[in-house]
Amino acid sequence: MRFVVIIPAYNEEEFIASCLDSITNQTLLPNQLIVVNDNSTDQTLSIIKQYKEQYDFIEIVSTNAKAVHIPGSKVIQTFYKGYEAISIDYDVIFKLDADLVFPVNYFEDIIKVFKNDSAVGMAGGVATILKNGAWEIENLTNFDHIRGALKSYSKNCFEHIGGLKKDLGWDTVDEHLSRYFNFKIVVDPNLKVQHLRPTGESYSKNVAFKQGSAFYKMGYGLLLSFLASLKMALKKRSLTMFIGYLKGYLTAIKNNDPKFVNKEQSKFIQKYRWKKILNRYFYSRVTALI
């Protein structure tokens, strides 16, 4: 299988060398690695150039977008600058962050997942963070979700879901749409990726508002959006965030913002989300009784 890796990079001089070292030392190398320098003001570009001189499968793309880095929209716009530079017919495409260090067998094992089952549309490992001197799984989501930092897609799946949405929520709606089109999503907990920068460290203040808007665009509906907002706000222990989520959702309704999904897909997503909520609720009750 031929595969392409795209890495958006903005001011990553602290991490990019470690990331590229872990990629160039893989047991299976990508056919094309495209690093998109997103108007970096540090030494990111010069570091990438050093690797390009050594490896002919590395390509550099530069973009001069605004320096406002909103999670979701900015990174996917940058990703698509790299996507436009793909020069091979690929079977699998990876979208990776620049602050990751991969186990040496990462690509080989992920490609095996796609090879062994043509129904697999998405695959990935798990992110770990350094905590008290040890690398622990960054427990932000369940093992049925692939973190946005380390996504990979079969070409068939990528095309069916219409690529990646250029907005916050892209790394959730991609999985909903993959399931809608009957693709499997595989998370391998044995593939532990080191995440060098804590998630959300550089997020801007209006993320909560945009996340609320994303709930609307993903077709969640009012009650699901309320519950999702409450869950996220409780995790962050922030009433301000909760209010921001709701404001974003209600503003999207008022403005009649375009959705990521059609009505049929929205119904599918709501049904899936309610099933997950109910299963989790009953599981917790049974566990408590035992």
C-alpha atoms as a PDB file:
ATOM      1  CA  MET A   1       0.000   0.000   0.000  1.00  0.00           C
ATOM      2  CA  ARG A   2       1.221   3.465  -0.881  1.00  0.00           C
ATOM      3  CA  PHE A   3       0.686   6.130   1.752  1.00  0.00           C
ATOM      4  CA  VAL A   4       1.131   9.860   2.184  1.00  0.00           C
ATOM      5  CA  VAL A   5       1.773  11.714   5.443  1.00  0.00           C
ATOM      6  CA  ILE A   6       0.826  15.394   5.830  1.00  0.00           C
ATOM      7  CA  ILE A   7       2.063  17.380   8.838  1.00  0.00           C
ATOM      8  CA  PRO A   8       0.899  20.974   9.415  1.00  0.00           C
ATOM      9  CA  ALA A   9       3.589  22.836  11.391  1.00  0.00           C
ATOM     10  CA  TYR A  10       3.457  26.242  13.056  1.00  0.00           C
ATOM     11  CA  ASN A  11       6.337  27.375  15.297  1.00  0.00           C
ATOM     12  CA  GLU A  12       7.347  23.802  16.101  1.00  0.00           C
ATOM     13  CA  GLU A  13      11.118  24.286  16.477  1.00  0.00           C
ATOM     14  CA  GLU A  14      10.985  22.641  19.910  1.00  0.00           C
ATOM     15  CA  PHE A  15       9.371  19.420  18.653  1.00  0.00           C
ATOM     16  CA  ILE A  16       9.641  19.027  14.860  1.00  0.00           C
ATOM     17  CA  ALA A  17      13.076  17.361  14.859  1.00  0.00           C
ATOM     18  CA  SER A  18      11.921  14.692  17.318  1.00  0.00           C
ATOM     19  CA  CYS A  19       8.818  14.107  15.208  1.00  0.00           C
ATOM     20  CA  LEU A  20      10.748  13.784  11.951  1.00  0.00           C
ATOM     21  CA  ASP A  21      13.382  11.565  13.565  1.00  0.00           C
ATOM     22  CA  SER A  22      10.662   9.163  14.658  1.00  0.00           C
ATOM     23  CA  ILE A  23       9.192   9.130  11.132  1.00  0.00           C
ATOM     24  CA  THR A  24      12.441   8.700   9.216  1.00  0.00           C
ATOM     25  CA  ASN A  25      13.384   5.794  11.485  1.00  0.00           C
ATOM     26  CA  GLN A  26      10.171   3.875  10.832  1.00  0.00           C
ATOM     27  CA  THR A  27      10.257   0.230   9.733  1.00  0.00           C
ATOM     28  CA  LEU A  28       7.979   1.310   6.876  1.00  0.00           C
ATOM     29  CA  LEU A  29       8.625   4.704   5.339  1.00  0.00           C
ATOM     30  CA  PRO A  30       5.947   6.864   3.685  1.00  0.00           C
ATOM     31  CA  ASN A  31       5.958   7.211  -0.079  1.00  0.00           C
ATOM     32  CA  GLN A  32       5.562  10.943   0.423  1.00  0.00           C
ATOM     33  CA  LEU A  33       5.887  13.083   3.549  1.00  0.00           C
ATOM     34  CA  ILE A  34       4.619  16.634   3.124  1.00  0.00           C
ATOM     35  CA  VAL A  35       5.407  19.101   5.903  1.00  0.00           C
ATOM     36  CA  VAL A  36       3.435  22.329   5.628  1.00  0.00           C
ATOM     37  CA  ASN A  37       5.204  25.276   7.204  1.00  0.00           C
ATOM     38  CA  ASP A  38       2.333  27.500   8.312  1.00  0.00           C
ATOM     39  CA  ASN A  39       3.991  30.919   8.383  1.00  0.00           C
ATOM     40  CA  SER A  40       6.290  29.972  11.267  1.00  0.00           C
ATOM     41  CA  THR A  41       8.313  32.783  12.851  1.00  0.00           C
ATOM     42  CA  ASP A  42      10.873  30.531  14.547  1.00  0.00           C
ATOM     43  CA  GLN A  43      13.369  27.975  13.163  1.00  0.00           C
ATOM     44  CA  THR A  44      10.748  25.428  12.071  1.00  0.00           C
ATOM     45  CA  LEU A  45      11.378  25.870   8.348  1.00  0.00           C
ATOM     46  CA  SER A  46      15.161  25.632   8.578  1.00  0.00           C
ATOM     47  CA  ILE A  47      14.887  22.421  10.606  1.00  0.00           C
ATOM     48  CA  ILE A  48      12.537  20.860   8.051  1.00  0.00           C
ATOM     49  CA  LYS A  49      14.937  21.824   5.242  1.00  0.00           C
ATOM     50  CA  GLN A  50      17.716  19.864   6.940  1.00  0.00           C
ATOM     51  CA  TYR A  51      15.592  16.714   6.783  1.00  0.00           C
ATOM     52  CA  LYS A  52      14.548  17.342   3.183  1.00  0.00           C
ATOM     53  CA  GLU A  53      18.230  17.402   2.210  1.00  0.00           C
ATOM     54  CA  GLN A  54      18.622  13.888   3.636  1.00  0.00           C
ATOM     55  CA  TYR A  55      15.377  12.228   2.535  1.00  0.00           C
ATOM     56  CA  ASP A  56      13.978  12.464  -0.977  1.00  0.00           C
ATOM     57  CA  PHE A  57      10.437  11.491   0.110  1.00  0.00           C
ATOM     58  CA  ILE A  58      10.094  14.695   2.157  1.00  0.00           C
ATOM     59  CA  GLU A  59       8.404  17.707   0.579  1.00  0.00           C
ATOM     60  CA  ILE A  60       8.015  21.206   2.031  1.00  0.00           C
ATOM     61  CA  VAL A  61       5.025  23.440   1.398  1.00  0.00           C
ATOM     62  CA  SER A  62       4.864  26.961   2.817  1.00  0.00           C
ATOM     63  CA  THR A  63       1.756  29.002   3.459  1.00  0.00           C
ATOM     64  CA  ASN A  64       1.368  32.573   4.669  1.00  0.00           C
ATOM     65  CA  ALA A  65      -1.959  32.489   6.470  1.00  0.00           C
ATOM     66  CA  LYS A  66      -2.865  34.732   9.373  1.00  0.00           C
ATOM     67  CA  ALA A  67      -1.244  33.882  12.703  1.00  0.00           C
ATOM     68  CA  VAL A  68      -4.572  33.260  14.450  1.00  0.00           C
ATOM     69  CA  HIS A  69      -4.525  29.575  15.356  1.00  0.00           C
ATOM     70  CA  ILE A  70      -8.023  28.395  16.147  1.00  0.00           C
ATOM     71  CA  PRO A  71      -8.218  24.642  16.760  1.00  0.00           C
ATOM     72  CA  GLY A  72      -9.770  22.835  13.830  1.00  0.00           C
ATOM     73  CA  SER A  73     -10.209  25.408  11.086  1.00  0.00           C
ATOM     74  CA  LYS A  74      -6.598  26.614  10.903  1.00  0.00           C
ATOM     75  CA  VAL A  75      -4.950  23.213  10.990  1.00  0.00           C
ATOM     76  CA  ILE A  76      -7.228  21.744   8.314  1.00  0.00           C
ATOM     77  CA  GLN A  77      -6.718  24.723   6.015  1.00  0.00           C
ATOM     78  CA  THR A  78      -3.003  24.082   6.417  1.00  0.00           C
ATOM     79  CA  PHE A  79      -3.501  20.345   5.865  1.00  0.00           C
ATOM     80  CA  TYR A  80      -5.168  21.066   2.527  1.00  0.00           C
ATOM     81  CA  LYS A  81      -2.160  23.082   1.381  1.00  0.00           C
ATOM     82  CA  GLY A  82      -0.235  19.839   1.768  1.00  0.00           C
ATOM     83  CA  TYR A  83      -3.012  17.808   0.183  1.00  0.00           C
ATOM     84  CA  GLU A  84      -2.739  19.924  -2.962  1.00  0.00           C
ATOM     85  CA  ALA A  85       0.950  18.909  -3.206  1.00  0.00           C
ATOM     86  CA  ILE A  86       0.337  15.141  -3.275  1.00  0.00           C
ATOM     87  CA  SER A  87       2.030  13.754  -6.376  1.00  0.00           C
ATOM     88  CA  ILE A  88       1.340  10.017  -6.061  1.00  0.00           C
ATOM     89  CA  ASP A  89      -1.695   7.771  -6.238  1.00  0.00           C
ATOM     90  CA  TYR A  90      -2.063   6.840  -2.573  1.00  0.00           C
ATOM     91  CA  ASP A  91      -4.044   4.159  -0.726  1.00  0.00           C
ATOM     92  CA  VAL A  92      -3.853   5.698   2.759  1.00  0.00           C
ATOM     93  CA  ILE A  93      -3.429   9.291   3.906  1.00  0.00           C
ATOM     94  CA  PHE A  94      -2.178  10.354   7.359  1.00  0.00           C
ATOM     95  CA  LYS A  95      -2.864  13.719   8.983  1.00  0.00           C
ATOM     96  CA  LEU A  96      -0.389  14.082  11.866  1.00  0.00           C
ATOM     97  CA  ASP A  97       0.616  16.831  14.276  1.00  0.00           C
ATOM     98  CA  ALA A  98       4.214  18.055  14.469  1.00  0.00           C
ATOM     99  CA  ASP A  99       4.592  17.516  18.211  1.00  0.00           C
ATOM    100  CA  LEU A 100       4.358  13.710  18.165  1.00  0.00           C
ATOM    101  CA  VAL A 101       6.955  10.958  18.517  1.00  0.00           C
ATOM    102  CA  PHE A 102       5.948   7.617  16.996  1.00  0.00           C
ATOM    103  CA  PRO A 103       6.991   4.085  17.918  1.00  0.00           C
ATOM    104  CA  VAL A 104       9.268   2.653  15.244  1.00  0.00           C
ATOM    105  CA  ASN A 105       6.597   0.246  13.946  1.00  0.00           C
ATOM    106  CA  TYR A 106       3.748   2.764  13.839  1.00  0.00           C
ATOM    107  CA  PHE A 107       3.255   3.072  10.075  1.00  0.00           C
ATOM    108  CA  GLU A 108       3.882  -0.619   9.452  1.00  0.00           C
ATOM    109  CA  ASP A 109       1.205  -1.668  11.950  1.00  0.00           C
ATOM    110  CA  ILE A 110      -1.342   0.926  10.815  1.00  0.00           C
ATOM    111  CA  ILE A 111      -0.913  -0.080   7.173  1.00  0.00           C
ATOM    112  CA  LYS A 112      -1.421  -3.731   8.201  1.00  0.00           C
ATOM    113  CA  VAL A 113      -4.788  -2.752   9.682  1.00  0.00           C
ATOM    114  CA  PHE A 114      -5.915  -1.376   6.329  1.00  0.00           C
ATOM    115  CA  LYS A 115      -4.428  -4.304   4.397  1.00  0.00           C
ATOM    116  CA  ASN A 116      -6.106  -6.925   6.552  1.00  0.00           C
ATOM    117  CA  ASP A 117      -9.624  -5.485   6.292  1.00  0.00           C
ATOM    118  CA  SER A 118     -10.834  -3.449   3.321  1.00  0.00           C
ATOM    119  CA  ALA A 119     -13.798  -2.235   5.407  1.00  0.00           C
ATOM    120  CA  VAL A 120     -11.481  -0.219   7.678  1.00  0.00           C
ATOM    121  CA  GLY A 121     -11.810   3.462   6.841  1.00  0.00           C
ATOM    122  CA  MET A 122      -9.849   5.024   9.687  1.00  0.00           C
ATOM    123  CA  ALA A 123      -7.089   3.815  11.994  1.00  0.00           C
ATOM    124  CA  GLY A 124      -4.761   5.203  14.631  1.00  0.00           C
ATOM    125  CA  GLY A 125      -2.893   4.622  17.851  1.00  0.00           C
ATOM    126  CA  VAL A 126      -3.267   6.431  21.173  1.00  0.00           C
ATOM    127  CA  ALA A 127      -1.608   9.605  22.461  1.00  0.00           C
ATOM    128  CA  THR A 128       0.427   9.561  25.655  1.00  0.00           C
ATOM    129  CA  ILE A 129       1.701  12.465  27.775  1.00  0.00           C
ATOM    130  CA  LEU A 130       4.605  12.663  30.198  1.00  0.00           C
ATOM    131  CA  LYS A 131       3.224  12.652  33.728  1.00  0.00           C
ATOM    132  CA  ASN A 132       5.266  12.172  36.900  1.00  0.00           C
ATOM    133  CA  GLY A 133       8.167  10.831  34.875  1.00  0.00           C
ATOM    134  CA  ALA A 134       6.143   8.243  32.949  1.00  0.00           C
ATOM    135  CA  TRP A 135       4.282   8.249  29.625  1.00  0.00           C
ATOM    136  CA  GLU A 136       0.578   7.793  30.338  1.00  0.00           C
ATOM    137  CA  ILE A 137      -2.337   7.613  27.896  1.00  0.00           C
ATOM    138  CA  GLU A 138      -3.841  11.075  27.440  1.00  0.00           C
ATOM    139  CA  ASN A 139      -7.268  10.055  28.631  1.00  0.00           C
ATOM    140  CA  LEU A 140      -9.438  12.636  26.878  1.00  0.00           C
ATOM    141  CA  THR A 141     -11.545  10.220  24.842  1.00  0.00           C
ATOM    142  CA  ASN A 142     -12.535   6.561  24.730  1.00  0.00           C
ATOM    143  CA  PHE A 143     -10.769   3.966  22.612  1.00  0.00           C
ATOM    144  CA  ASP A 144     -13.485   4.203  19.955  1.00  0.00           C
ATOM    145  CA  HIS A 145     -12.201   7.623  18.890  1.00  0.00           C
ATOM    146  CA  ILE A 146      -8.956   8.470  17.081  1.00  0.00           C
ATOM    147  CA  ARG A 147      -7.350  11.672  18.278  1.00  0.00           C
ATOM    148  CA  GLY A 148      -7.201  14.471  15.732  1.00  0.00           C
ATOM    149  CA  ALA A 149      -3.424  14.612  16.139  1.00  0.00           C
ATOM    150  CA  LEU A 150      -2.885  11.178  14.578  1.00  0.00           C
ATOM    151  CA  LYS A 151      -5.572  10.380  12.031  1.00  0.00           C
ATOM    152  CA  SER A 152      -5.257   8.091   9.010  1.00  0.00           C
ATOM    153  CA  TYR A 153      -7.820   7.300   6.323  1.00  0.00           C
ATOM    154  CA  SER A 154      -8.168   4.896   3.444  1.00  0.00           C
ATOM    155  CA  LYS A 155      -8.534   6.816   0.195  1.00  0.00           C
ATOM    156  CA  ASN A 156     -11.990   5.299  -0.290  1.00  0.00           C
ATOM    157  CA  CYS A 157     -13.173   6.496   3.122  1.00  0.00           C
ATOM    158  CA  PHE A 158     -11.577   9.933   2.749  1.00  0.00           C
ATOM    159  CA  GLU A 159     -13.428  10.498  -0.500  1.00  0.00           C
ATOM    160  CA  HIS A 160     -16.755   9.148   0.789  1.00  0.00           C
ATOM    161  CA  ILE A 161     -16.806  11.513   3.785  1.00  0.00           C
ATOM    162  CA  GLY A 162     -15.924  14.457   1.574  1.00  0.00           C
ATOM    163  CA  GLY A 163     -12.494  14.964   3.087  1.00  0.00           C
ATOM    164  CA  LEU A 164     -11.937  16.949   6.273  1.00  0.00           C
ATOM    165  CA  LYS A 165     -14.180  19.835   7.313  1.00  0.00           C
ATOM    166  CA  LYS A 166     -12.355  23.151   7.672  1.00  0.00           C
ATOM    167  CA  ASP A 167     -13.732  23.926  11.104  1.00  0.00           C
ATOM    168  CA  LEU A 168     -13.691  22.834  14.724  1.00  0.00           C
ATOM    169  CA  GLY A 169     -15.374  19.457  15.054  1.00  0.00           C
ATOM    170  CA  TRP A 170     -13.693  18.026  11.931  1.00  0.00           C
ATOM    171  CA  ASP A 171     -12.120  15.205  13.970  1.00  0.00           C
ATOM    172  CA  THR A 172     -15.474  14.064  15.319  1.00  0.00           C
ATOM    173  CA  VAL A 173     -17.730  14.419  12.310  1.00  0.00           C
ATOM    174  CA  ASP A 174     -15.209  12.516  10.169  1.00  0.00           C
ATOM    175  CA  GLU A 175     -15.808   9.430  12.329  1.00  0.00           C
ATOM    176  CA  HIS A 176     -19.579   9.884  12.359  1.00  0.00           C
ATOM    177  CA  LEU A 177     -19.601  10.063   8.572  1.00  0.00           C
ATOM    178  CA  SER A 178     -17.245   7.103   8.293  1.00  0.00           C
ATOM    179  CA  ARG A 179     -19.699   4.994  10.294  1.00  0.00           C
ATOM    180  CA  TYR A 180     -22.579   6.358   8.248  1.00  0.00           C
ATOM    181  CA  PHE A 181     -20.866   5.025   5.109  1.00  0.00           C
ATOM    182  CA  ASN A 182     -20.224   1.675   6.857  1.00  0.00           C
ATOM    183  CA  PHE A 183     -16.496   2.054   7.362  1.00  0.00           C
ATOM    184  CA  LYS A 184     -14.818   0.605  10.443  1.00  0.00           C
ATOM    185  CA  ILE A 185     -12.749   2.734  12.817  1.00  0.00           C
ATOM    186  CA  VAL A 186      -9.821   0.979  14.490  1.00  0.00           C
ATOM    187  CA  VAL A 187      -7.842   2.248  17.481  1.00  0.00           C
ATOM    188  CA  ASP A 188      -4.769   0.211  18.428  1.00  0.00           C
ATOM    189  CA  PRO A 189      -4.000   0.876  22.124  1.00  0.00           C
ATOM    190  CA  ASN A 190      -0.646  -0.855  21.727  1.00  0.00           C
ATOM    191  CA  LEU A 191       0.591   1.886  19.400  1.00  0.00           C
ATOM    192  CA  LYS A 192       1.477   4.517  21.981  1.00  0.00           C
ATOM    193  CA  VAL A 193       2.466   7.877  20.519  1.00  0.00           C
ATOM    194  CA  GLN A 194       4.252  10.444  22.665  1.00  0.00           C
ATOM    195  CA  HIS A 195       2.428  13.788  22.621  1.00  0.00           C
ATOM    196  CA  LEU A 196       5.068  16.368  23.509  1.00  0.00           C
ATOM    197  CA  ARG A 197       2.722  19.322  24.002  1.00  0.00           C
ATOM    198  CA  PRO A 198      -0.337  19.051  26.285  1.00  0.00           C
ATOM    199  CA  THR A 199      -3.626  19.208  24.383  1.00  0.00           C
ATOM    200  CA  GLY A 200      -5.243  22.630  24.330  1.00  0.00           C
ATOM    201  CA  GLU A 201      -2.170  24.498  25.542  1.00  0.00           C
ATOM    202  CA  SER A 202      -2.311  27.059  22.727  1.00  0.00           C
ATOM    203  CA  TYR A 203      -6.078  27.241  22.197  1.00  0.00           C
ATOM    204  CA  SER A 204      -7.630  30.693  21.950  1.00  0.00           C
ATOM    205  CA  LYS A 205     -10.361  32.002  24.225  1.00  0.00           C
ATOM    206  CA  ASN A 206     -13.256  31.670  21.784  1.00  0.00           C
ATOM    207  CA  VAL A 207     -12.870  27.897  21.409  1.00  0.00           C
ATOM    208  CA  ALA A 208     -15.944  27.188  23.565  1.00  0.00           C
ATOM    209  CA  PHE A 209     -18.107  29.354  21.305  1.00  0.00           C
ATOM    210  CA  LYS A 210     -16.791  27.604  18.194  1.00  0.00           C
ATOM    211  CA  GLN A 211     -17.256  24.192  19.794  1.00  0.00           C
ATOM    212  CA  GLY A 212     -20.906  25.000  20.473  1.00  0.00           C
ATOM    213  CA  SER A 213     -21.269  26.002  16.843  1.00  0.00           C
ATOM    214  CA  ALA A 214     -19.655  22.701  15.855  1.00  0.00           C
ATOM    215  CA  PHE A 215     -22.300  20.741  17.793  1.00  0.00           C
ATOM    216  CA  TYR A 216     -24.915  22.414  15.613  1.00  0.00           C
ATOM    217  CA  LYS A 217     -22.986  21.780  12.397  1.00  0.00           C
ATOM    218  CA  MET A 218     -22.574  18.089  13.290  1.00  0.00           C
ATOM    219  CA  GLY A 219     -26.345  17.795  13.577  1.00  0.00           C
ATOM    220  CA  TYR A 220     -26.424  16.951  17.284  1.00  0.00           C
ATOM    221  CA  GLY A 221     -29.694  18.693  18.068  1.00  0.00           C
ATOM    222  CA  LEU A 222     -30.435  20.857  21.108  1.00  0.00           C
ATOM    223  CA  LEU A 223     -30.567  18.218  23.864  1.00  0.00           C
ATOM    224  CA  LEU A 224     -27.472  16.326  22.712  1.00  0.00           C
ATOM    225  CA  SER A 225     -25.601  19.602  22.375  1.00  0.00           C
ATOM    226  CA  PHE A 226     -26.665  20.611  25.886  1.00  0.00           C
ATOM    227  CA  LEU A 227     -25.439  17.308  27.336  1.00  0.00           C
ATOM    228  CA  ALA A 228     -22.175  17.436  25.389  1.00  0.00           C
ATOM    229  CA  SER A 229     -21.610  21.018  26.565  1.00  0.00           C
ATOM    230  CA  LEU A 230     -22.328  20.064  30.162  1.00  0.00           C
ATOM    231  CA  LYS A 231     -19.963  17.088  30.014  1.00  0.00           C
ATOM    232  CA  MET A 232     -17.105  19.136  28.571  1.00  0.00           C
ATOM    233  CA  ALA A 233     -17.669  22.020  30.987  1.00  0.00           C
ATOM    234  CA  LEU A 234     -17.656  19.659  33.970  1.00  0.00           C
ATOM    235  CA  LYS A 235     -14.367  18.152  32.791  1.00  0.00           C
ATOM    236  CA  LYS A 236     -12.881  21.641  32.603  1.00  0.00           C
ATOM    237  CA  ARG A 237     -14.745  22.739  35.763  1.00  0.00           C
ATOM    238  CA  SER A 238     -15.790  25.924  34.008  1.00  0.00           C
ATOM    239  CA  LEU A 239     -19.226  27.561  33.988  1.00  0.00           C
ATOM    240  CA  THR A 240     -17.853  30.123  31.549  1.00  0.00           C
ATOM    241  CA  MET A 241     -17.042  27.352  29.068  1.00  0.00           C
ATOM    242  CA  PHE A 242     -20.542  25.903  29.437  1.00  0.00           C
ATOM    243  CA  ILE A 243     -22.098  29.287  28.658  1.00  0.00           C
ATOM    244  CA  GLY A 244     -19.732  29.656  25.705  1.00  0.00           C
ATOM    245  CA  TYR A 245     -20.776  26.283  24.256  1.00  0.00           C
ATOM    246  CA  LEU A 246     -24.454  27.174  24.473  1.00  0.00           C
ATOM    247  CA  LYS A 247     -23.934  30.641  23.010  1.00  0.00           C
ATOM    248  CA  GLY A 248     -22.086  29.124  20.078  1.00  0.00           C
ATOM    249  CA  TYR A 249     -24.843  26.595  19.433  1.00  0.00           C
ATOM    250  CA  LEU A 250     -27.663  29.134  19.684  1.00  0.00           C
ATOM    251  CA  THR A 251     -25.833  31.656  17.506  1.00  0.00           C
ATOM    252  CA  ALA A 252     -25.339  28.985  14.825  1.00  0.00           C
ATOM    253  CA  ILE A 253     -29.096  28.344  14.868  1.00  0.00           C
ATOM    254  CA  LYS A 254     -29.844  32.067  14.662  1.00  0.00           C
ATOM    255  CA  ASN A 255     -27.440  32.531  11.746  1.00  0.00           C
ATOM    256  CA  ASN A 256     -28.631  29.343  10.049  1.00  0.00           C
ATOM    257  CA  ASP A 257     -25.013  28.270   9.625  1.00  0.00           C
ATOM    258  CA  PRO A 258     -24.377  25.552   7.014  1.00  0.00           C
ATOM    259  CA  LYS A 259     -24.075  22.082   8.540  1.00  0.00           C
ATOM    260  CA  PHE A 260     -21.429  19.445   7.946  1.00  0.00           C
ATOM    261  CA  VAL A 261     -24.125  16.836   7.376  1.00  0.00           C
ATOM    262  CA  ASN A 262     -27.494  16.392   5.676  1.00  0.00           C
ATOM    263  CA  LYS A 263     -30.732  15.465   7.482  1.00  0.00           C
ATOM    264  CA  GLU A 264     -30.309  11.723   7.028  1.00  0.00           C
ATOM    265  CA  GLN A 265     -26.741  11.849   8.326  1.00  0.00           C
ATOM    266  CA  SER A 266     -27.855  14.019  11.242  1.00  0.00           C
ATOM    267  CA  LYS A 267     -30.451  11.413  12.242  1.00  0.00           C
ATOM    268  CA  PHE A 268     -27.821   8.681  12.033  1.00  0.00           C
ATOM    269  CA  ILE A 269     -25.421  10.694  14.225  1.00  0.00           C
ATOM    270  CA  GLN A 270     -28.077  11.457  16.834  1.00  0.00           C
ATOM    271  CA  LYS A 271     -29.119   7.804  16.995  1.00  0.00           C
ATOM    272  CA  TYR A 272     -25.497   6.724  17.409  1.00  0.00           C
ATOM    273  CA  ARG A 273     -24.800   9.321  20.121  1.00  0.00           C
ATOM    274  CA  TRP A 274     -27.930   8.419  22.112  1.00  0.00           C
ATOM    275  CA  LYS A 275     -27.040   4.737  21.902  1.00  0.00           C
ATOM    276  CA  LYS A 276     -23.576   5.487  23.286  1.00  0.00           C
ATOM    277  CA  ILE A 277     -25.018   7.593  26.112  1.00  0.00           C
ATOM    278  CA  LEU A 278     -27.573   4.953  27.102  1.00  0.00           C
ATOM    279  CA  ASN A 279     -25.031   2.132  26.940  1.00  0.00           C
ATOM    280  CA  ARG A 280     -22.663   4.099  29.162  1.00  0.00           C
ATOM    281  CA  TYR A 281     -25.471   4.915  31.600  1.00  0.00           C
ATOM    282  CA  PHE A 282     -26.647   1.318  31.988  1.00  0.00           C
ATOM    283  CA  TYR A 283     -23.076   0.007  32.158  1.00  0.00           C
ATOM    284  CA  SER A 284     -22.294   2.349  35.044  1.00  0.00           C
ATOM    285  CA  ARG A 285     -25.449   1.256  36.871  1.00  0.00           C
ATOM    286  CA  VAL A 286     -24.687  -2.441  36.457  1.00  0.00           C
ATOM    287  CA  THR A 287     -21.092  -1.906  37.523  1.00  0.00           C
ATOM    288  CA  ALA A 288     -22.271  -0.062  40.628  1.00  0.00           C
ATOM    289  CA  LEU A 289     -24.542  -2.974  41.568  1.00  0.00           C
ATOM    290  CA  ILE A 290     -21.730  -5.485  41.168  1.00  0.00           C
END
